[in-house]
N, C-alpha and C. Protein backbone atom coordinates (compact mmCIF):
# COMPACT_ATOMS: atom_id res chain seq x y z
N UNK A 1 31.49 70.66 -88.33
CA UNK A 1 30.91 69.34 -88.16
C UNK A 1 29.39 69.48 -88.30
N UNK A 2 28.80 68.62 -89.11
CA UNK A 2 27.35 68.67 -89.30
C UNK A 2 26.63 68.10 -88.07
N UNK A 3 25.35 68.36 -88.00
CA UNK A 3 24.54 67.82 -86.89
C UNK A 3 24.57 66.29 -86.91
N UNK A 4 24.55 65.70 -88.11
CA UNK A 4 24.60 64.24 -88.23
C UNK A 4 25.92 63.71 -87.67
N UNK A 5 27.01 64.34 -88.04
CA UNK A 5 28.31 63.91 -87.53
C UNK A 5 28.40 64.10 -86.01
N UNK A 6 27.89 65.21 -85.52
CA UNK A 6 27.92 65.47 -84.08
C UNK A 6 27.09 64.44 -83.32
N UNK A 7 25.91 64.13 -83.85
CA UNK A 7 25.05 63.14 -83.20
C UNK A 7 25.70 61.76 -83.23
N UNK A 8 26.31 61.44 -84.36
CA UNK A 8 26.98 60.15 -84.50
C UNK A 8 28.15 60.03 -83.52
N UNK A 9 28.93 61.09 -83.40
CA UNK A 9 30.06 61.10 -82.47
C UNK A 9 29.58 61.00 -81.02
N UNK A 10 28.51 61.70 -80.69
CA UNK A 10 27.95 61.64 -79.33
C UNK A 10 27.48 60.22 -79.01
N UNK A 11 26.87 59.57 -80.01
CA UNK A 11 26.41 58.19 -79.82
C UNK A 11 27.59 57.26 -79.58
N UNK A 12 28.64 57.38 -80.40
CA UNK A 12 29.83 56.53 -80.22
C UNK A 12 30.46 56.76 -78.85
N UNK A 13 30.53 58.01 -78.43
CA UNK A 13 31.11 58.33 -77.12
C UNK A 13 30.28 57.74 -75.99
N UNK A 14 28.96 57.81 -76.13
CA UNK A 14 28.08 57.24 -75.10
C UNK A 14 28.25 55.73 -75.02
N UNK A 15 28.33 55.07 -76.17
CA UNK A 15 28.53 53.61 -76.18
C UNK A 15 29.88 53.25 -75.54
N UNK A 16 30.90 54.04 -75.80
CA UNK A 16 32.21 53.78 -75.21
C UNK A 16 32.16 53.94 -73.70
N UNK A 17 31.43 54.95 -73.21
CA UNK A 17 31.30 55.13 -71.76
C UNK A 17 30.59 53.93 -71.13
N UNK A 18 29.60 53.38 -71.84
CA UNK A 18 28.92 52.18 -71.34
C UNK A 18 29.91 51.03 -71.25
N UNK A 19 30.70 50.83 -72.28
CA UNK A 19 31.69 49.75 -72.27
C UNK A 19 32.71 49.94 -71.15
N UNK A 20 33.16 51.18 -70.97
CA UNK A 20 34.10 51.47 -69.89
C UNK A 20 33.46 51.19 -68.53
N UNK A 21 32.20 51.56 -68.40
CA UNK A 21 31.48 51.31 -67.15
C UNK A 21 31.32 49.83 -66.87
N UNK A 22 31.02 49.05 -67.91
CA UNK A 22 30.89 47.60 -67.74
C UNK A 22 32.20 46.97 -67.29
N UNK A 23 33.30 47.46 -67.85
CA UNK A 23 34.61 46.94 -67.45
C UNK A 23 34.90 47.29 -65.99
N UNK A 24 34.52 48.49 -65.58
CA UNK A 24 34.73 48.89 -64.19
C UNK A 24 33.87 48.05 -63.24
N UNK A 25 32.63 47.78 -63.63
CA UNK A 25 31.75 46.94 -62.81
C UNK A 25 32.33 45.54 -62.69
N UNK A 26 32.81 44.98 -63.79
CA UNK A 26 33.39 43.64 -63.76
C UNK A 26 34.60 43.60 -62.82
N UNK A 27 35.42 44.63 -62.87
CA UNK A 27 36.58 44.70 -61.99
C UNK A 27 36.16 44.77 -60.53
N UNK A 28 35.17 45.59 -60.24
CA UNK A 28 34.68 45.72 -58.86
C UNK A 28 34.09 44.41 -58.38
N UNK A 29 33.33 43.73 -59.23
CA UNK A 29 32.76 42.43 -58.85
C UNK A 29 33.85 41.42 -58.53
N UNK A 30 34.93 41.46 -59.28
CA UNK A 30 36.03 40.53 -59.04
C UNK A 30 36.69 40.80 -57.69
N UNK A 31 36.65 42.04 -57.23
CA UNK A 31 37.26 42.40 -55.95
C UNK A 31 36.40 42.01 -54.75
N UNK A 32 35.10 41.86 -54.94
CA UNK A 32 34.18 41.64 -53.82
C UNK A 32 34.55 40.45 -52.95
N UNK A 33 34.82 39.26 -53.48
CA UNK A 33 35.13 38.13 -52.59
C UNK A 33 36.35 38.37 -51.70
N UNK A 34 37.39 38.96 -52.26
CA UNK A 34 38.60 39.23 -51.49
C UNK A 34 38.32 40.25 -50.39
N UNK A 35 37.59 41.29 -50.72
CA UNK A 35 37.28 42.33 -49.75
C UNK A 35 36.33 41.80 -48.68
N UNK A 36 35.37 40.96 -49.08
CA UNK A 36 34.45 40.36 -48.12
C UNK A 36 35.22 39.47 -47.13
N UNK A 37 36.18 38.72 -47.64
CA UNK A 37 37.01 37.87 -46.78
C UNK A 37 37.80 38.72 -45.78
N UNK A 38 38.34 39.81 -46.25
CA UNK A 38 39.09 40.72 -45.36
C UNK A 38 38.17 41.28 -44.27
N UNK A 39 36.97 41.69 -44.66
CA UNK A 39 36.02 42.22 -43.69
C UNK A 39 35.65 41.17 -42.66
N UNK A 40 35.43 39.93 -43.09
CA UNK A 40 35.11 38.86 -42.15
C UNK A 40 36.24 38.66 -41.16
N UNK A 41 37.47 38.67 -41.64
CA UNK A 41 38.62 38.51 -40.74
C UNK A 41 38.70 39.66 -39.75
N UNK A 42 38.41 40.87 -40.20
CA UNK A 42 38.43 42.03 -39.30
C UNK A 42 37.29 41.98 -38.29
N UNK A 43 36.15 41.43 -38.69
CA UNK A 43 35.04 41.27 -37.75
C UNK A 43 35.44 40.31 -36.63
N UNK A 44 36.03 39.18 -37.00
CA UNK A 44 36.48 38.21 -35.99
C UNK A 44 37.52 38.85 -35.08
N UNK A 45 38.47 39.55 -35.67
CA UNK A 45 39.52 40.20 -34.89
C UNK A 45 38.94 41.24 -33.93
N UNK A 46 38.02 42.05 -34.43
CA UNK A 46 37.41 43.08 -33.58
C UNK A 46 36.65 42.45 -32.42
N UNK A 47 35.94 41.37 -32.69
CA UNK A 47 35.19 40.69 -31.63
C UNK A 47 36.16 40.13 -30.58
N UNK A 48 37.21 39.50 -31.06
CA UNK A 48 38.20 38.93 -30.12
C UNK A 48 38.90 40.03 -29.32
N UNK A 49 38.97 41.23 -29.88
CA UNK A 49 39.57 42.37 -29.17
C UNK A 49 38.60 43.04 -28.21
N UNK A 50 37.38 42.51 -28.14
CA UNK A 50 36.43 43.01 -27.15
C UNK A 50 35.29 43.86 -27.67
N UNK A 51 35.22 44.07 -28.97
CA UNK A 51 34.09 44.86 -29.50
C UNK A 51 32.84 44.00 -29.50
N UNK A 52 31.73 44.61 -29.21
CA UNK A 52 30.45 43.89 -29.12
C UNK A 52 29.83 43.68 -30.50
N UNK A 53 28.99 42.65 -30.57
CA UNK A 53 28.31 42.32 -31.82
C UNK A 53 27.54 43.53 -32.34
N UNK A 54 26.82 44.22 -31.47
CA UNK A 54 26.04 45.37 -31.89
C UNK A 54 26.89 46.48 -32.47
N UNK A 55 28.03 46.71 -31.88
CA UNK A 55 28.94 47.75 -32.39
C UNK A 55 29.49 47.35 -33.75
N UNK A 56 29.88 46.08 -33.88
CA UNK A 56 30.39 45.58 -35.16
C UNK A 56 29.31 45.71 -36.23
N UNK A 57 28.08 45.36 -35.87
CA UNK A 57 26.96 45.47 -36.81
C UNK A 57 26.77 46.92 -37.25
N UNK A 58 26.83 47.84 -36.32
CA UNK A 58 26.65 49.25 -36.64
C UNK A 58 27.74 49.74 -37.60
N UNK A 59 28.98 49.38 -37.32
CA UNK A 59 30.11 49.84 -38.14
C UNK A 59 30.06 49.24 -39.54
N UNK A 60 29.72 47.95 -39.64
CA UNK A 60 29.75 47.27 -40.93
C UNK A 60 28.49 47.43 -41.75
N UNK A 61 27.38 47.75 -41.08
CA UNK A 61 26.11 47.81 -41.79
C UNK A 61 25.41 46.47 -41.86
N UNK A 62 26.03 45.43 -41.33
CA UNK A 62 25.40 44.11 -41.25
C UNK A 62 24.45 44.08 -40.06
N UNK A 63 23.49 43.17 -40.11
CA UNK A 63 22.65 42.93 -38.95
C UNK A 63 23.42 42.11 -37.92
N UNK A 64 22.93 42.09 -36.70
CA UNK A 64 23.60 41.34 -35.64
C UNK A 64 23.71 39.85 -35.98
N UNK A 65 22.64 39.30 -36.55
CA UNK A 65 22.68 37.87 -36.87
C UNK A 65 23.72 37.57 -37.95
N UNK A 66 23.86 38.45 -38.92
CA UNK A 66 24.89 38.25 -39.94
C UNK A 66 26.28 38.31 -39.32
N UNK A 67 26.48 39.22 -38.38
CA UNK A 67 27.77 39.29 -37.68
C UNK A 67 28.00 37.98 -36.94
N UNK A 68 26.97 37.47 -36.28
CA UNK A 68 27.12 36.19 -35.56
C UNK A 68 27.46 35.05 -36.52
N UNK A 69 26.84 35.04 -37.70
CA UNK A 69 27.15 34.01 -38.70
C UNK A 69 28.62 34.09 -39.11
N UNK A 70 29.08 35.30 -39.34
CA UNK A 70 30.48 35.49 -39.74
C UNK A 70 31.40 35.04 -38.61
N UNK A 71 31.05 35.35 -37.38
CA UNK A 71 31.86 34.91 -36.25
C UNK A 71 31.91 33.39 -36.17
N UNK A 72 30.74 32.75 -36.32
CA UNK A 72 30.72 31.28 -36.28
C UNK A 72 31.57 30.70 -37.40
N UNK A 73 31.45 31.26 -38.60
CA UNK A 73 32.25 30.79 -39.73
C UNK A 73 33.74 30.98 -39.47
N UNK A 74 34.07 31.99 -38.66
CA UNK A 74 35.46 32.25 -38.30
C UNK A 74 35.92 31.47 -37.09
N UNK A 75 35.06 30.57 -36.61
CA UNK A 75 35.44 29.71 -35.49
C UNK A 75 35.19 30.31 -34.12
N UNK A 76 34.38 31.37 -34.06
CA UNK A 76 34.11 32.02 -32.78
C UNK A 76 32.61 31.97 -32.53
N UNK A 77 32.23 31.51 -31.36
CA UNK A 77 30.83 31.58 -30.97
C UNK A 77 30.62 32.88 -30.22
N UNK A 78 29.56 33.58 -30.54
CA UNK A 78 29.22 34.82 -29.84
C UNK A 78 29.15 34.53 -28.35
N UNK A 79 29.85 35.30 -27.56
CA UNK A 79 29.90 35.07 -26.12
C UNK A 79 31.23 34.49 -25.67
N UNK A 80 32.02 33.99 -26.60
CA UNK A 80 33.34 33.42 -26.29
C UNK A 80 34.42 34.48 -26.51
N UNK A 81 35.29 34.63 -25.61
CA UNK A 81 36.52 35.43 -25.75
C UNK A 81 36.35 36.65 -26.63
N UNK A 82 35.32 37.41 -26.34
CA UNK A 82 35.13 38.61 -27.13
C UNK A 82 34.15 39.55 -26.48
N UNK A 83 33.58 40.40 -27.29
CA UNK A 83 32.68 41.42 -26.78
C UNK A 83 31.34 40.92 -26.33
N UNK A 84 30.88 39.79 -26.89
CA UNK A 84 29.61 39.23 -26.46
C UNK A 84 28.47 39.72 -27.14
C-alpha cells in the first residue's frame, strides 16, 4: 500500500469514527430525559425514606437547592415526611 493510499484509508477511518461517535452521542442524549426522570423519582423516594437533602445532594452531585426543587416538583416540600 502506498503512502497516499495509507493516508487516504486513515482519513476515511477517522471520519467513520467521528460518525460513529456522533451516533453514540445522539443515543446518549435521547436517554437523558428518561434517566433524569428516574433519578428525580429516586430522589423523592430517598427523601421519603428518611435521607437528608444534604446526603442526597452529595450522592447525586446536585446542589441542595436543586434537590429541593426536584422534591417540590415531586410533590414533597423539604421538611415534610422525610429527611429534612
